[in-house]
Every structure is written in C-alpha cells, then in structure tokens.
C-alpha atoms as a PDB file:
ATOM      1  CA  MET A   1       6.275   3.008  -2.664  1.00  0.00           C
ATOM      2  CA  ALA A   2       9.885   2.674  -1.827  1.00  0.00           C
ATOM      3  CA  GLN A   3      10.873  -0.852  -2.585  1.00  0.00           C
ATOM      4  CA  ASP A   4      14.756  -1.664  -4.049  1.00  0.00           C
ATOM      5  CA  PRO A   5      14.060  -2.468  -7.917  1.00  0.00           C
ATOM      6  CA  ILE A   6      15.187  -5.651  -9.505  1.00  0.00           C
ATOM      7  CA  ARG A   7      18.675  -4.411 -11.522  1.00  0.00           C
ATOM      8  CA  ILE A   8      20.284  -5.894 -14.223  1.00  0.00           C
ATOM      9  CA  PRO A   9      23.924  -4.838 -14.668  1.00  0.00           C
ATOM     10  CA  GLY A  10      24.940  -3.730 -18.059  1.00  0.00           C
ATOM     11  CA  MET A  11      20.687  -3.402 -19.471  1.00  0.00           C
ATOM     12  CA  ARG A  12      20.584   0.630 -20.723  1.00  0.00           C
ATOM     13  CA  GLU A  13      23.912  -0.311 -22.798  1.00  0.00           C
ATOM     14  CA  PHE A  14      22.201  -3.275 -23.813  1.00  0.00           C
ATOM     15  CA  VAL A  15      18.718  -1.660 -24.693  1.00  0.00           C
ATOM     16  CA  THR A  16      20.768   1.024 -26.351  1.00  0.00           C
ATOM     17  CA  GLN A  17      22.828  -1.489 -28.878  1.00  0.00           C
ATOM     18  CA  LEU A  18      19.916  -3.578 -29.841  1.00  0.00           C
ATOM     19  CA  ARG A  19      18.274   0.097 -30.472  1.00  0.00           C
ATOM     20  CA  LYS A  20      21.264   1.518 -33.030  1.00  0.00           C
ATOM     21  CA  ALA A  21      21.112  -1.969 -34.536  1.00  0.00           C
ATOM     22  CA  THR A  22      18.133  -1.014 -36.730  1.00  0.00           C
ATOM     23  CA  GLU A  23      17.063   1.844 -38.718  1.00  0.00           C
ATOM     24  CA  ASP A  24      13.658   0.518 -38.102  1.00  0.00           C
ATOM     25  CA  LYS A  25      12.992   0.933 -34.546  1.00  0.00           C
ATOM     26  CA  SER A  26      11.912  -2.883 -34.780  1.00  0.00           C
ATOM     27  CA  GLY A  27      14.871  -2.807 -32.010  1.00  0.00           C
ATOM     28  CA  GLU A  28      13.266  -0.889 -29.807  1.00  0.00           C
ATOM     29  CA  GLN A  29       9.717  -1.944 -30.347  1.00  0.00           C
ATOM     30  CA  ALA A  30      10.926  -5.385 -29.166  1.00  0.00           C
ATOM     31  CA  VAL A  31      12.443  -4.672 -26.087  1.00  0.00           C
ATOM     32  CA  LYS A  32       9.221  -2.446 -25.295  1.00  0.00           C
ATOM     33  CA  ASP A  33       7.368  -5.731 -26.107  1.00  0.00           C
ATOM     34  CA  ALA A  34      10.285  -7.862 -23.529  1.00  0.00           C
ATOM     35  CA  ASN A  35       9.140  -5.198 -20.723  1.00  0.00           C
ATOM     36  CA  VAL A  36       5.514  -5.100 -21.439  1.00  0.00           C
ATOM     37  CA  LYS A  37       4.830  -9.054 -21.169  1.00  0.00           C
ATOM     38  CA  THR A  38       7.312  -9.132 -18.106  1.00  0.00           C
ATOM     39  CA  GLY A  39       5.262  -6.334 -16.465  1.00  0.00           C
ATOM     40  CA  ASN A  40       1.901  -8.644 -17.288  1.00  0.00           C
ATOM     41  CA  PHE A  41       3.377 -11.246 -15.824  1.00  0.00           C
ATOM     42  CA  VAL A  42       3.589  -9.334 -12.515  1.00  0.00           C
ATOM     43  CA  ILE A  43       0.887  -8.552 -12.282  1.00  0.00           C
ATOM     44  CA  ALA A  44      -1.200 -11.716 -13.105  1.00  0.00           C
ATOM     45  CA  MET A  45       1.454 -12.851 -10.031  1.00  0.00           C
ATOM     46  CA  ALA A  46       0.131  -9.531  -7.988  1.00  0.00           C
ATOM     47  CA  GLN A  47      -3.969  -9.726  -9.042  1.00  0.00           C
ATOM     48  CA  ARG A  48      -3.516 -13.329  -7.228  1.00  0.00           C
ATOM     49  CA  GLU A  49      -2.166 -11.713  -4.391  1.00  0.00           C
ATOM     50  CA  ALA A  50      -5.090  -9.611  -3.778  1.00  0.00           C
ATOM     51  CA  SER A  51      -6.959 -10.881  -0.988  1.00  0.00           C
ATOM     52  CA  ASN A  52     -10.178  -8.758  -0.312  1.00  0.00           C
ATOM     53  CA  LYS A  53     -12.659  -6.898  -2.640  1.00  0.00           C
ATOM     54  CA  MET A  54     -10.784  -3.948  -2.350  1.00  0.00           C
ATOM     55  CA  GLU A  55      -7.915  -5.483  -3.082  1.00  0.00           C
ATOM     56  CA  ARG A  56      -8.834  -6.726  -6.163  1.00  0.00           C
ATOM     57  CA  LYS A  57     -10.093  -4.168  -7.280  1.00  0.00           C
ATOM     58  CA  ALA A  58      -7.042  -1.808  -7.172  1.00  0.00           C
ATOM     59  CA  ALA A  59      -4.958  -4.831  -8.338  1.00  0.00           C
ATOM     60  CA  ALA A  60      -7.393  -4.563 -11.800  1.00  0.00           C
ATOM     61  CA  THR A  61      -6.423  -1.470 -12.161  1.00  0.00           C
ATOM     62  CA  LEU A  62      -2.434  -2.427 -12.723  1.00  0.00           C
ATOM     63  CA  THR A  63      -1.290  -1.930 -16.329  1.00  0.00           C
ATOM     64  CA  ALA A  64       2.124  -2.699 -17.880  1.00  0.00           C
ATOM     65  CA  SER A  65       4.134   0.623 -19.331  1.00  0.00           C
ATOM     66  CA  LYS A  66       5.621   0.853 -22.628  1.00  0.00           C
ATOM     67  CA  ALA A  67       8.726   1.212 -21.020  1.00  0.00           C
ATOM     68  CA  MET A  68      11.936   1.359 -23.266  1.00  0.00           C
ATOM     69  CA  THR A  69      14.901   0.766 -20.747  1.00  0.00           C
ATOM     70  CA  ALA A  70      12.784  -0.585 -17.488  1.00  0.00           C
ATOM     71  CA  VAL A  71       9.855  -2.828 -16.348  1.00  0.00           C
ATOM     72  CA  ARG A  72       7.397  -0.637 -14.988  1.00  0.00           C
ATOM     73  CA  VAL A  73       3.774  -1.114 -13.926  1.00  0.00           C
ATOM     74  CA  VAL A  74       1.195   1.401 -12.725  1.00  0.00           C
ATOM     75  CA  GLY A  75      -2.163   1.340 -10.491  1.00  0.00           C
ATOM     76  CA  GLY A  76      -4.919   3.380  -9.879  1.00  0.00           C
ATOM     77  CA  SER A  77      -7.555   5.086 -11.963  1.00  0.00           C
ATOM     78  CA  ALA A  78     -10.203   8.153 -11.603  1.00  0.00           C
ATOM     79  CA  ASP A  79     -12.740   5.541  -9.805  1.00  0.00           C
ATOM     80  CA  ARG A  80     -10.305   3.633  -8.347  1.00  0.00           C
ATOM     81  CA  PRO A  81      -8.078   6.399  -6.456  1.00  0.00           C
ATOM     82  CA  TYR A  82      -7.656   4.648  -3.391  1.00  0.00           C
ATOM     83  CA  PHE A  83      -4.910   1.821  -5.182  1.00  0.00           C
ATOM     84  CA  ALA A  84      -1.754   2.787  -2.867  1.00  0.00           C
ATOM     85  CA  GLY A  85      -4.451   2.355  -0.149  1.00  0.00           C
ATOM     86  CA  ALA A  86      -5.298  -0.587  -0.170  1.00  0.00           C
ATOM     87  CA  ASN A  87      -1.897  -1.804  -1.119  1.00  0.00           C
ATOM     88  CA  PHE A  88      -0.605  -0.733   1.962  1.00  0.00           C
ATOM     89  CA  GLY A  89      -3.408  -2.208   3.841  1.00  0.00           C
ATOM     90  CA  ALA A  90      -5.842   0.792   4.050  1.00  0.00           C
ATOM     91  CA  HIS A  91      -9.556  -0.157   5.013  1.00  0.00           C
ATOM     92  CA  ARG A  92     -12.378   2.051   3.184  1.00  0.00           C
ATOM     93  CA  ASN A  93     -15.511   3.345   4.200  1.00  0.00           C
ATOM     94  CA  ARG A  94     -15.232   1.719   7.819  1.00  0.00           C
ATOM     95  CA  THR A  95     -16.492   3.279  10.343  1.00  0.00           C
ATOM     96  CA  ARG A  96     -13.902   4.921  12.953  1.00  0.00           C
ATOM     97  CA  LEU A  97     -14.809   6.292  16.795  1.00  0.00           C
ATOM     98  CA  ILE A  98     -13.782   9.466  17.601  1.00  0.00           C
ATOM     99  CA  LYS A  99     -11.979  10.439  20.765  1.00  0.00           C
ATOM    100  CA  ALA A 100     -11.959  13.375  23.244  1.00  0.00           C
ATOM    101  CA  LYS A 101      -9.453  15.657  22.789  1.00  0.00           C
ATOM    102  CA  VAL A 102      -6.830  15.158  25.826  1.00  0.00           C
ATOM    103  CA  THR A 103      -4.334  17.725  27.680  1.00  0.00           C
ATOM    104  CA  ARG A 104      -0.971  16.693  27.039  1.00  0.00           C
ATOM    105  CA  VAL A 105       2.533  18.770  28.368  1.00  0.00           C
ATOM    106  CA  VAL A 106       5.340  18.898  25.767  1.00  0.00           C
ATOM    107  CA  GLY A 107       8.009  20.441  27.474  1.00  0.00           C
ATOM    108  CA  ASP A 108       7.055  24.186  28.935  1.00  0.00           C
ATOM    109  CA  ARG A 109       4.166  23.824  27.017  1.00  0.00           C
ATOM    110  CA  THR A 110       0.077  21.914  27.707  1.00  0.00           C
ATOM    111  CA  ILE A 111      -1.661  21.359  24.588  1.00  0.00           C
ATOM    112  CA  GLU A 112      -4.736  19.561  23.238  1.00  0.00           C
ATOM    113  CA  LYS A 113      -4.516  16.826  20.783  1.00  0.00           C
ATOM    114  CA  ARG A 114      -6.870  14.027  19.454  1.00  0.00           C
ATOM    115  CA  THR A 115      -5.765  10.491  19.815  1.00  0.00           C
ATOM    116  CA  ARG A 116      -5.942   8.184  16.836  1.00  0.00           C
ATOM    117  CA  ALA A 117      -9.418   7.324  16.192  1.00  0.00           C
ATOM    118  CA  THR A 118     -10.904   3.609  17.089  1.00  0.00           C
ATOM    119  CA  MET A 119     -12.179   1.371  13.852  1.00  0.00           C
ATOM    120  CA  VAL A 120     -15.217  -0.522  14.543  1.00  0.00           C
ATOM    121  CA  ARG A 121     -14.797  -4.148  12.211  1.00  0.00           C
ATOM    122  CA  ARG A 122     -17.026  -5.278  10.202  1.00  0.00           C
ATOM    123  CA  GLY A 123     -19.708  -6.962  12.908  1.00  0.00           C
ATOM    124  CA  GLU A 124     -18.696  -5.249  16.058  1.00  0.00           C
ATOM    125  CA  ASP A 125     -21.100  -3.608  18.184  1.00  0.00           C
ATOM    126  CA  ILE A 126     -20.523  -0.084  18.426  1.00  0.00           C
ATOM    127  CA  ASP A 127     -21.811   0.368  22.391  1.00  0.00           C
ATOM    128  CA  LYS A 128     -19.050  -2.439  23.305  1.00  0.00           C
ATOM    129  CA  VAL A 129     -16.310  -1.103  20.879  1.00  0.00           C
ATOM    130  CA  ALA A 130     -17.129   2.065  23.071  1.00  0.00           C
ATOM    131  CA  ARG A 131     -16.999   0.692  26.211  1.00  0.00           C
ATOM    132  CA  ARG A 132     -13.407  -1.054  25.597  1.00  0.00           C
ATOM    133  CA  VAL A 133     -11.876   1.943  24.451  1.00  0.00           C
ATOM    134  CA  GLU A 134     -13.348   4.062  27.625  1.00  0.00           C
ATOM    135  CA  ARG A 135     -11.915   1.026  29.744  1.00  0.00           C
ATOM    136  CA  GLN A 136      -9.016   2.418  28.721  1.00  0.00           C
ATOM    137  CA  PHE A 137      -6.174   4.235  30.496  1.00  0.00           C
ATOM    138  CA  VAL A 138      -2.915   6.272  28.475  1.00  0.00           C
ATOM    139  CA  ASP A 139       0.525   8.019  30.044  1.00  0.00           C
ATOM    140  CA  TYR A 140       0.746  11.311  28.990  1.00  0.00           C
ATOM    141  CA  ARG A 141       2.541  10.363  26.222  1.00  0.00           C
ATOM    142  CA  GLY A 142      -0.942   8.391  24.591  1.00  0.00           C
ATOM    143  CA  ARG A 143       0.328   5.252  25.731  1.00  0.00           C
ATOM    144  CA  THR A 144      -1.438   2.298  27.086  1.00  0.00           C
ATOM    145  CA  ILE A 145      -0.843   1.822  30.723  1.00  0.00           C
ATOM    146  CA  LYS A 146      -2.871  -0.025  33.515  1.00  0.00           C
ATOM    147  CA  ARG A 147      -5.257   1.103  35.422  1.00  0.00           C
ATOM    148  CA  ARG A 148      -4.065   0.599  38.947  1.00  0.00           C
ATOM    149  CA  ASN A 149      -0.751   2.938  37.701  1.00  0.00           C
ATOM    150  CA  ALA A 150      -3.302   5.219  36.703  1.00  0.00           C
ATOM    151  CA  SER A 151      -5.495   8.067  38.164  1.00  0.00           C
ATOM    152  CA  GLU A 152      -9.012   9.105  36.532  1.00  0.00           C
ATOM    153  CA  GLU A 153      -8.009  12.155  34.243  1.00  0.00           C
ATOM    154  CA  MET A 154      -6.376   9.417  32.631  1.00  0.00           C
ATOM    155  CA  ARG A 155      -8.835   7.086  31.439  1.00  0.00           C
ATOM    156  CA  VAL A 156      -9.922   7.524  27.470  1.00  0.00           C
ATOM    157  CA  ARG A 157     -12.473   9.213  26.232  1.00  0.00           C
ATOM    158  CA  LEU A 158     -14.597   9.443  22.901  1.00  0.00           C
ATOM    159  CA  ALA A 159     -15.892  12.700  21.762  1.00  0.00           C
ATOM    160  CA  ARG A 160     -19.458  13.170  22.281  1.00  0.00           C
ATOM    161  CA  THR A 161     -22.130  15.142  20.249  1.00  0.00           C
ATOM    162  CA  LYS A 162     -24.049  17.774  22.202  1.00  0.00           C
ATOM    163  CA  SER A 163     -27.255  15.412  22.358  1.00  0.00           C
ATOM    164  CA  GLY A 164     -24.560  13.021  23.880  1.00  0.00           C
ATOM    165  CA  ASN A 165     -24.495   9.859  21.254  1.00  0.00           C
ATOM    166  CA  ILE A 166     -20.795   9.123  20.078  1.00  0.00           C
ATOM    167  CA  ARG A 167     -19.030  11.386  17.100  1.00  0.00           C
ATOM    168  CA  LYS A 168     -17.694   8.746  14.393  1.00  0.00           C
ATOM    169  CA  ILE A 169     -16.765   9.157  10.904  1.00  0.00           C
ATOM    170  CA  LYS A 170     -16.285   6.967   8.105  1.00  0.00           C
ATOM    171  CA  GLY A 171     -13.126   6.499   5.836  1.00  0.00           C
ATOM    172  CA  TRP A 172     -10.397   4.564   4.361  1.00  0.00           C
ATOM    173  CA  ASN A 173      -7.639   5.819   5.830  1.00  0.00           C
ATOM    174  CA  GLN A 174      -7.676   3.666   8.588  1.00  0.00           C
ATOM    175  CA  PHE A 175      -4.307   1.481   8.038  1.00  0.00           C
ATOM    176  CA  ARG A 176      -3.777  -2.650   9.417  1.00  0.00           C
ATOM    177  CA  LYS A 177      -0.741  -2.800  11.784  1.00  0.00           C
ATOM    178  CA  PHE A 178       1.624  -0.695   9.575  1.00  0.00           C
ATOM    179  CA  ARG A 179       5.302  -1.441   8.728  1.00  0.00           C
ATOM    180  CA  LYS A 180       7.559   0.168   6.594  1.00  0.00           C
ATOM    181  CA  GLY A 181       8.520  -1.814   2.985  1.00  0.00           C
ATOM    182  CA  LYS A 182       4.934  -3.878   4.047  1.00  0.00           C
ATOM    183  CA  ASP A 183       2.467  -4.327   1.306  1.00  0.00           C
ATOM    184  CA  TYR A 184      -0.472  -6.624   0.567  1.00  0.00           C
ATOM    185  CA  PHE A 185       0.024  -7.531  -3.392  1.00  0.00           C
ATOM    186  CA  LEU A 186       1.892  -6.009  -5.435  1.00  0.00           C
ATOM    187  CA  TYR A 187       5.746  -5.688  -3.944  1.00  0.00           C
ATOM    188  CA  ALA A 188       4.881  -8.788  -2.243  1.00  0.00           C
ATOM    189  CA  ALA A 189       3.972 -10.980  -5.565  1.00  0.00           C
ATOM    190  CA  ILE A 190       8.026  -9.763  -6.431  1.00  0.00           C
ATOM    191  CA  ARG A 191       9.007 -10.691  -3.418  1.00  0.00           C
ATOM    192  CA  LYS A 192       7.804 -13.515  -3.289  1.00  0.00           C
ATOM    193  CA  ASN A 193       8.487 -14.660  -6.809  1.00  0.00           C
ATOM    194  CA  PHE A 194      11.772 -12.553  -7.157  1.00  0.00           C
ATOM    195  CA  ASP A 195      13.472 -15.201  -9.443  1.00  0.00           C
ATOM    196  CA  ASP A 196      10.542 -16.580 -11.106  1.00  0.00           C
ATOM    197  CA  ILE A 197      10.482 -12.582 -12.171  1.00  0.00           C
ATOM    198  CA  VAL A 198      14.067 -12.471 -13.214  1.00  0.00           C
ATOM    199  CA  ARG A 199      14.512 -15.442 -15.342  1.00  0.00           C
ATOM    200  CA  PHE A 200      10.941 -14.622 -17.253  1.00  0.00           C
ATOM    201  CA  TYR A 201      12.340 -11.419 -17.841  1.00  0.00           C
ATOM    202  CA  PHE A 202      16.020 -12.956 -18.986  1.00  0.00           C
ATOM    203  CA  ASP A 203      13.642 -14.824 -21.864  1.00  0.00           C
ATOM    204  CA  ALA A 204      11.426 -12.165 -22.963  1.00  0.00           C
ATOM    205  CA  LEU A 205      15.193 -10.339 -23.423  1.00  0.00           C
ATOM    206  CA  GLY A 206      16.077 -13.395 -25.657  1.00  0.00           C
ATOM    207  CA  ASP A 207      12.883 -13.199 -27.547  1.00  0.00           C
ATOM    208  CA  ALA A 208      13.512  -9.741 -28.486  1.00  0.00           C
ATOM    209  CA  VAL A 209      16.964 -10.735 -29.759  1.00  0.00           C
ATOM    210  CA  LYS A 210      15.538 -13.271 -31.575  1.00  0.00           C
ATOM    211  CA  GLN A 211      13.497 -10.939 -33.575  1.00  0.00           C
ATOM    212  CA  VAL A 212      15.817  -8.241 -34.137  1.00  0.00           C
ATOM    213  CA  PHE A 213      18.561 -11.259 -35.313  1.00  0.00           C
ATOM    214  CA  PRO A 214      16.422 -13.810 -36.586  1.00  0.00           C
ATOM    215  CA  ASP A 215      19.546 -15.151 -37.967  1.00  0.00           C
END
C-alpha cells in the first residue's frame, strides 16, 4: 500500500546512540516498546475507523511489529486474507453479473473482450439490475454513450448460459469507486490523526529515554 511514512529527522541516529548507551540492550528494548506502544495507538484509531463488518474483521488482525527503527503495523491472517481488499474498499461474496464478450477494433486488430462485471448490491433484485444493464450503450472503447448516438450493436448484453439464465459469479474482488491513495480505515486513521500520532510517539520516545537514563 503506497503511503508516505511519517519521517522524523535524526531518528536512526537517535536509536543508534540510545542502543550504544546500554550494554544490556535495555535501550534497544525501550525503543522497541515505544514503537509497539505507538503502533497500538494507531491500531486503536484504525479499528474505530472501520465502518462495516468486513472492515472490522480485517482491522482486528492488525498487530504492532517490534521493529527497532520504525513504527510498523501488520494486517491480515490465514483466516482473513482479505485485509488489503477490505482496507481499499473491496466487497466480499457479492453477486456480479457477467457481461457478454464484445468486439472491439484496436488499431488494425479486432479483438473480443468482456467489460467489467456489474455488482448486485444487497437487497437489489437481480432481474431489475439486469434490465438496467442491458438498457445501456457503449462505444468501441467501452465508454457509456446515449442511446440516440448508438446503434443496436452497441447495446450492452449480459452473458447467458445454454438454458438462457444470466451468468453470474460471487467474489470479493469488486471495488468501490477506486481512487489512488484512497483507503477506508488504516491510512485514513493516520491522515486524520497525524498530529496526535506524532505527539504520542515523541512522548513514548521520551519515556524510553527516562527508562534508560532515570537520573
């Protein structure tokens, strides 16, 4: 997930000196504790930001890494492998209607391809969604156009089985309107609480210094 980290000038040098200052590695452990404490602070905010069942289950897998030179949190687990999808707005186990292949001319080539499947939202009637889809028209590049500017060959068609039923599939790889850098709970929480996170981290590092140098 692409996101600019919170950078603290001189942090690496500070950690190195604090580690060298103690022979029993207590300085190193104090910094790790500060990083974990701050990571848990971020996790608590991210979990509050999660707004639906899938997001909340994904956010519940977040753990703070015991890193030395950075605050890191890790998400996902074997039974919840959809962490990234949930964070970036994927839906899970939603019915999608498969569109029939369409012929497109690309340069000097004629190719057949499918356009993006249409998701049926919870509570929606599949037949009603199908009728809405098949009232649409698209140009040769797949862009929606008005009916008065289109021929019947440009009408969107849904793929059907041999018995005439609409072809459909279930899955979670259907995203909400995607925007680069947009997510729904982890980085959203960091952006909203940036100043609080920085203050919390400096306080945690201050506590680490007091542990190493109590006098």
